[in-house]
């Protein structure tokens, strides 16, 4: 099963927490990650709220800082080899997890991670 992860930038993390928990009735997911923010699981979608001034910085000089989508990939190694064979440039994750970043044709940064269901 692949898991979609989306990061949303928020200006006020506590106000966003109130909306997602009190307004939408979501419960925060328990994660021990090095990333700032709050996680919510909605079926196979994971929403990661990040304070706008604490966005993790992509180390790639051309990609810069940006929110991203992430996919949990069951066969992570095969996908990595496939993308490299197609000539895509991959940026390793700086988090210590098995993950890499790749840009799609529109310039969106996609994180491909070796997790299924729980990125922690």
N, C-alpha and C. Protein backbone atom coordinates (compact mmCIF):
# COMPACT_ATOMS: atom_id res chain seq x y z
N UNK A 1 0.84 -1.18 0.00
CA UNK A 1 0.00 0.00 0.00
C UNK A 1 0.89 1.25 0.00
N UNK A 2 0.60 2.18 -0.88
CA UNK A 2 1.31 3.44 -0.87
C UNK A 2 0.52 4.45 -0.04
N UNK A 3 1.25 5.34 0.60
CA UNK A 3 0.65 6.34 1.47
C UNK A 3 1.00 7.71 0.93
N UNK A 4 0.01 8.58 0.81
CA UNK A 4 0.24 9.94 0.36
C UNK A 4 0.44 10.84 1.57
N UNK A 5 1.46 11.63 1.52
CA UNK A 5 1.78 12.57 2.60
C UNK A 5 1.83 13.95 2.00
N UNK A 6 1.11 14.88 2.58
CA UNK A 6 1.18 16.25 2.13
C UNK A 6 1.55 17.16 3.29
N UNK A 7 2.43 18.10 3.02
CA UNK A 7 2.83 19.08 4.03
C UNK A 7 2.12 20.39 3.74
N UNK A 8 1.50 20.96 4.76
CA UNK A 8 0.81 22.23 4.62
C UNK A 8 1.51 23.27 5.47
N UNK A 9 1.80 24.42 4.88
CA UNK A 9 2.42 25.50 5.63
C UNK A 9 1.34 26.30 6.34
N UNK A 10 1.54 26.57 7.62
CA UNK A 10 0.58 27.36 8.39
C UNK A 10 1.30 28.52 9.07
N UNK A 11 0.59 29.61 9.26
CA UNK A 11 1.20 30.77 9.90
C UNK A 11 1.09 30.71 11.41
N UNK A 12 0.09 29.99 11.92
CA UNK A 12 -0.12 29.88 13.36
C UNK A 12 -0.46 28.42 13.67
N UNK A 13 0.52 27.68 14.15
CA UNK A 13 0.36 26.25 14.35
C UNK A 13 -0.75 25.92 15.35
N UNK A 14 -0.86 26.68 16.41
CA UNK A 14 -1.90 26.39 17.41
C UNK A 14 -3.30 26.68 16.87
N UNK A 15 -3.46 27.72 16.08
CA UNK A 15 -4.75 28.01 15.47
C UNK A 15 -5.11 26.90 14.48
N UNK A 16 -4.11 26.43 13.72
CA UNK A 16 -4.34 25.33 12.78
C UNK A 16 -4.72 24.06 13.54
N UNK A 17 -4.03 23.81 14.65
CA UNK A 17 -4.35 22.63 15.47
C UNK A 17 -5.81 22.69 15.92
N UNK A 18 -6.26 23.84 16.36
CA UNK A 18 -7.65 24.00 16.81
C UNK A 18 -8.62 23.67 15.68
N UNK A 19 -8.32 24.16 14.47
CA UNK A 19 -9.20 23.89 13.33
C UNK A 19 -9.25 22.40 13.02
N UNK A 20 -8.09 21.76 12.91
CA UNK A 20 -8.06 20.35 12.53
C UNK A 20 -8.63 19.43 13.61
N UNK A 21 -8.41 19.78 14.86
CA UNK A 21 -8.88 18.91 15.94
C UNK A 21 -10.30 19.24 16.37
N UNK A 22 -10.60 20.51 16.65
CA UNK A 22 -11.94 20.88 17.09
C UNK A 22 -12.90 21.02 15.92
N UNK A 23 -12.41 21.62 14.83
CA UNK A 23 -13.27 21.83 13.68
C UNK A 23 -13.52 20.57 12.88
N UNK A 24 -12.46 19.82 12.58
CA UNK A 24 -12.60 18.63 11.74
C UNK A 24 -12.64 17.33 12.53
N UNK A 25 -12.39 17.40 13.83
CA UNK A 25 -12.47 16.21 14.67
C UNK A 25 -11.34 15.23 14.50
N UNK A 26 -10.18 15.69 14.04
CA UNK A 26 -9.04 14.79 13.85
C UNK A 26 -8.22 14.69 15.13
N UNK A 27 -7.55 13.57 15.28
CA UNK A 27 -6.65 13.35 16.41
C UNK A 27 -5.22 13.33 15.90
N UNK A 28 -4.32 14.05 16.56
CA UNK A 28 -2.93 14.05 16.09
C UNK A 28 -2.33 12.64 16.13
N UNK A 29 -1.53 12.34 15.12
CA UNK A 29 -0.81 11.07 15.10
C UNK A 29 0.45 11.20 15.94
N UNK A 30 0.83 10.14 16.58
CA UNK A 30 2.04 10.13 17.40
C UNK A 30 3.22 9.73 16.53
N UNK A 31 4.12 10.66 16.32
CA UNK A 31 5.31 10.40 15.50
C UNK A 31 6.54 10.90 16.24
N UNK A 32 7.62 10.17 16.13
CA UNK A 32 8.88 10.63 16.71
C UNK A 32 9.80 11.03 15.55
N UNK A 33 9.45 12.14 14.92
CA UNK A 33 10.22 12.62 13.78
C UNK A 33 11.03 13.84 14.17
N UNK A 34 12.01 14.13 13.35
CA UNK A 34 12.85 15.30 13.59
C UNK A 34 12.24 16.55 12.97
N UNK A 35 11.09 16.42 12.34
CA UNK A 35 10.46 17.56 11.68
C UNK A 35 9.55 18.29 12.64
N UNK A 36 9.44 19.60 12.52
CA UNK A 36 8.51 20.35 13.37
C UNK A 36 7.08 20.16 12.88
N UNK A 37 6.14 20.44 13.74
CA UNK A 37 4.74 20.45 13.30
C UNK A 37 3.90 19.36 13.92
N UNK A 38 2.74 19.14 13.31
CA UNK A 38 1.73 18.20 13.80
C UNK A 38 1.30 17.32 12.64
N UNK A 39 1.13 16.04 12.92
CA UNK A 39 0.70 15.07 11.91
C UNK A 39 -0.73 14.61 12.20
N UNK A 40 -1.49 14.38 11.10
CA UNK A 40 -2.82 13.78 11.19
C UNK A 40 -2.91 12.69 10.13
N UNK A 41 -3.47 11.55 10.50
CA UNK A 41 -3.71 10.47 9.55
C UNK A 41 -5.18 10.49 9.15
N UNK A 42 -5.42 10.54 7.85
CA UNK A 42 -6.79 10.51 7.33
C UNK A 42 -6.84 9.39 6.30
N UNK A 43 -7.20 8.21 6.75
CA UNK A 43 -7.14 7.04 5.86
C UNK A 43 -5.70 6.80 5.44
N UNK A 44 -5.46 6.72 4.14
CA UNK A 44 -4.10 6.49 3.64
C UNK A 44 -3.39 7.81 3.33
N UNK A 45 -3.98 8.92 3.76
CA UNK A 45 -3.37 10.24 3.57
C UNK A 45 -2.84 10.74 4.90
N UNK A 46 -1.65 11.28 4.89
CA UNK A 46 -1.06 11.87 6.08
C UNK A 46 -0.89 13.37 5.84
N UNK A 47 -1.40 14.17 6.75
CA UNK A 47 -1.29 15.62 6.65
C UNK A 47 -0.29 16.08 7.69
N UNK A 48 0.70 16.82 7.26
CA UNK A 48 1.74 17.33 8.14
C UNK A 48 1.65 18.85 8.14
N UNK A 49 1.23 19.44 9.26
CA UNK A 49 1.16 20.88 9.39
C UNK A 49 2.52 21.38 9.86
N UNK A 50 3.07 22.35 9.14
CA UNK A 50 4.39 22.89 9.46
C UNK A 50 4.28 24.41 9.61
N UNK A 51 4.80 24.91 10.71
CA UNK A 51 4.88 26.37 10.90
C UNK A 51 5.71 26.94 9.75
N UNK A 52 5.17 27.97 9.07
CA UNK A 52 5.79 28.49 7.85
C UNK A 52 7.24 28.90 8.02
N UNK A 53 7.60 29.39 9.20
CA UNK A 53 8.99 29.82 9.40
C UNK A 53 9.90 28.69 9.85
N UNK A 54 9.37 27.46 9.89
CA UNK A 54 10.17 26.30 10.29
C UNK A 54 10.19 25.23 9.21
N UNK A 55 9.98 25.62 7.95
CA UNK A 55 9.96 24.65 6.86
C UNK A 55 11.33 24.01 6.73
N UNK A 56 11.39 22.66 6.70
CA UNK A 56 12.69 22.02 6.47
C UNK A 56 13.29 22.51 5.16
N UNK A 57 14.56 22.78 5.16
CA UNK A 57 15.24 23.30 3.98
C UNK A 57 15.76 22.15 3.13
N UNK A 58 15.38 22.16 1.87
CA UNK A 58 15.95 21.20 0.92
C UNK A 58 17.38 21.63 0.65
N UNK A 59 18.31 20.71 0.70
CA UNK A 59 19.72 21.05 0.55
C UNK A 59 20.15 21.25 -0.90
N UNK A 60 19.26 20.98 -1.83
CA UNK A 60 19.61 21.12 -3.24
C UNK A 60 19.65 22.61 -3.61
N UNK A 61 20.74 23.08 -4.21
CA UNK A 61 20.89 24.52 -4.47
C UNK A 61 19.85 25.09 -5.44
N UNK A 62 19.31 24.27 -6.33
CA UNK A 62 18.34 24.77 -7.30
C UNK A 62 16.90 24.62 -6.80
N UNK A 63 16.64 23.71 -5.86
CA UNK A 63 15.28 23.45 -5.44
C UNK A 63 14.83 24.38 -4.34
N UNK A 64 15.74 24.74 -3.45
CA UNK A 64 15.41 25.69 -2.39
C UNK A 64 14.38 25.15 -1.40
N UNK A 65 13.68 26.08 -0.72
CA UNK A 65 12.68 25.72 0.29
C UNK A 65 11.30 25.64 -0.33
N UNK A 66 10.57 24.61 0.00
CA UNK A 66 9.22 24.49 -0.54
C UNK A 66 8.46 23.42 0.23
N UNK A 67 7.13 23.55 0.28
CA UNK A 67 6.34 22.43 0.79
C UNK A 67 6.44 21.28 -0.22
N UNK A 68 6.10 20.09 0.20
CA UNK A 68 6.27 18.96 -0.71
C UNK A 68 5.18 17.92 -0.49
N UNK A 69 5.04 17.06 -1.46
CA UNK A 69 4.24 15.85 -1.30
C UNK A 69 5.21 14.70 -1.09
N UNK A 70 4.77 13.71 -0.36
CA UNK A 70 5.61 12.54 -0.15
C UNK A 70 4.80 11.28 -0.39
N UNK A 71 5.46 10.27 -0.88
CA UNK A 71 4.85 8.96 -1.08
C UNK A 71 5.62 7.94 -0.28
N UNK A 72 4.89 7.12 0.47
CA UNK A 72 5.51 5.98 1.13
C UNK A 72 5.56 4.84 0.11
N UNK A 73 6.74 4.35 -0.17
CA UNK A 73 6.94 3.38 -1.25
C UNK A 73 7.35 2.03 -0.67
N UNK A 74 6.55 0.99 -0.89
CA UNK A 74 6.92 -0.33 -0.37
C UNK A 74 8.23 -0.85 -0.97
N UNK A 75 8.45 -0.65 -2.28
CA UNK A 75 9.67 -1.14 -2.92
C UNK A 75 10.54 0.07 -3.27
N UNK A 76 11.05 0.71 -2.25
CA UNK A 76 11.79 1.97 -2.35
C UNK A 76 13.03 1.84 -3.22
N UNK A 77 13.81 0.81 -3.02
CA UNK A 77 15.06 0.63 -3.76
C UNK A 77 14.81 0.49 -5.26
N UNK A 78 13.79 -0.27 -5.63
CA UNK A 78 13.48 -0.46 -7.05
C UNK A 78 13.06 0.85 -7.70
N UNK A 79 12.27 1.65 -6.99
CA UNK A 79 11.85 2.93 -7.54
C UNK A 79 13.06 3.85 -7.72
N UNK A 80 13.95 3.87 -6.74
CA UNK A 80 15.15 4.70 -6.83
C UNK A 80 15.97 4.31 -8.07
N UNK A 81 16.20 3.03 -8.25
CA UNK A 81 16.97 2.55 -9.40
C UNK A 81 16.28 2.90 -10.71
N UNK A 82 14.96 2.77 -10.74
CA UNK A 82 14.19 3.07 -11.95
C UNK A 82 14.31 4.55 -12.32
N UNK A 83 14.15 5.45 -11.34
CA UNK A 83 14.24 6.88 -11.61
C UNK A 83 15.65 7.29 -12.06
N UNK A 84 16.66 6.70 -11.43
CA UNK A 84 18.04 6.98 -11.85
C UNK A 84 18.28 6.52 -13.29
N UNK A 85 17.75 5.35 -13.64
CA UNK A 85 17.90 4.83 -15.00
C UNK A 85 17.22 5.73 -16.02
N UNK A 86 16.15 6.40 -15.62
CA UNK A 86 15.45 7.33 -16.51
C UNK A 86 16.13 8.69 -16.58
N UNK A 87 17.17 8.89 -15.76
CA UNK A 87 17.92 10.13 -15.82
C UNK A 87 17.47 11.21 -14.85
N UNK A 88 16.60 10.87 -13.90
CA UNK A 88 16.16 11.86 -12.92
C UNK A 88 17.24 12.11 -11.89
N UNK A 89 17.34 13.34 -11.43
CA UNK A 89 18.28 13.70 -10.38
C UNK A 89 17.59 13.49 -9.03
N UNK A 90 18.22 12.73 -8.15
CA UNK A 90 17.66 12.44 -6.84
C UNK A 90 18.49 13.14 -5.78
N UNK A 91 17.81 13.66 -4.76
CA UNK A 91 18.49 14.29 -3.63
C UNK A 91 18.21 13.44 -2.41
N UNK A 92 19.23 12.89 -1.75
CA UNK A 92 18.99 12.08 -0.56
C UNK A 92 18.38 12.91 0.57
N UNK A 93 17.60 12.27 1.40
CA UNK A 93 17.04 12.94 2.57
C UNK A 93 18.15 13.20 3.58
N UNK A 94 18.04 14.32 4.27
CA UNK A 94 19.00 14.66 5.32
C UNK A 94 18.51 14.20 6.69
N UNK A 95 17.36 13.52 6.74
CA UNK A 95 16.74 13.15 8.01
C UNK A 95 17.28 11.86 8.61
N UNK A 96 18.07 11.11 7.85
CA UNK A 96 18.55 9.82 8.33
C UNK A 96 17.64 8.67 7.93
N UNK A 97 16.45 8.98 7.40
CA UNK A 97 15.55 7.93 6.94
C UNK A 97 15.90 7.51 5.52
N UNK A 98 15.43 6.36 5.09
CA UNK A 98 15.58 5.96 3.70
C UNK A 98 14.57 6.76 2.90
N UNK A 99 15.03 7.80 2.27
CA UNK A 99 14.15 8.66 1.48
C UNK A 99 15.00 9.46 0.50
N UNK A 100 14.37 9.86 -0.58
CA UNK A 100 15.02 10.75 -1.52
C UNK A 100 13.98 11.70 -2.08
N UNK A 101 14.44 12.82 -2.62
CA UNK A 101 13.58 13.81 -3.23
C UNK A 101 13.84 13.82 -4.73
N UNK A 102 12.77 13.99 -5.50
CA UNK A 102 12.86 14.08 -6.95
C UNK A 102 11.85 15.12 -7.41
N UNK A 103 12.20 15.87 -8.46
CA UNK A 103 11.26 16.86 -8.99
C UNK A 103 10.46 16.25 -10.12
N UNK A 104 9.16 16.55 -10.13
CA UNK A 104 8.33 16.10 -11.24
C UNK A 104 8.49 17.10 -12.40
N UNK A 105 7.88 16.83 -13.57
CA UNK A 105 8.09 17.72 -14.72
C UNK A 105 7.65 19.17 -14.50
N UNK A 106 6.75 19.41 -13.52
CA UNK A 106 6.31 20.78 -13.23
C UNK A 106 7.15 21.45 -12.16
N UNK A 107 8.17 20.74 -11.64
CA UNK A 107 9.04 21.32 -10.63
C UNK A 107 8.60 21.07 -9.21
N UNK A 108 7.52 20.31 -9.01
CA UNK A 108 7.10 19.96 -7.65
C UNK A 108 8.07 18.97 -7.05
N UNK A 109 8.39 19.13 -5.78
CA UNK A 109 9.33 18.23 -5.11
C UNK A 109 8.53 17.10 -4.47
N UNK A 110 8.88 15.88 -4.83
CA UNK A 110 8.21 14.69 -4.30
C UNK A 110 9.21 13.94 -3.43
N UNK A 111 8.82 13.65 -2.20
CA UNK A 111 9.65 12.84 -1.31
C UNK A 111 9.20 11.39 -1.43
N UNK A 112 10.12 10.51 -1.74
CA UNK A 112 9.83 9.08 -1.80
C UNK A 112 10.51 8.43 -0.60
N UNK A 113 9.71 7.86 0.27
CA UNK A 113 10.21 7.32 1.54
C UNK A 113 9.95 5.83 1.64
N UNK A 114 10.84 5.14 2.33
CA UNK A 114 10.72 3.69 2.50
C UNK A 114 9.88 3.38 3.72
N UNK A 115 8.62 3.80 3.70
CA UNK A 115 7.70 3.45 4.78
C UNK A 115 6.35 3.15 4.20
N UNK A 116 5.60 2.37 4.92
CA UNK A 116 4.25 2.02 4.51
C UNK A 116 3.32 2.20 5.70
N UNK A 117 2.65 3.31 5.74
CA UNK A 117 1.66 3.53 6.80
C UNK A 117 2.16 4.38 7.93
N UNK A 118 3.44 4.31 8.26
CA UNK A 118 3.97 5.11 9.37
C UNK A 118 5.37 5.57 9.03
N UNK A 119 5.53 6.87 8.72
CA UNK A 119 6.83 7.36 8.32
C UNK A 119 7.81 7.53 9.47
N UNK A 120 7.38 7.29 10.67
CA UNK A 120 8.27 7.46 11.83
C UNK A 120 9.14 6.31 12.00
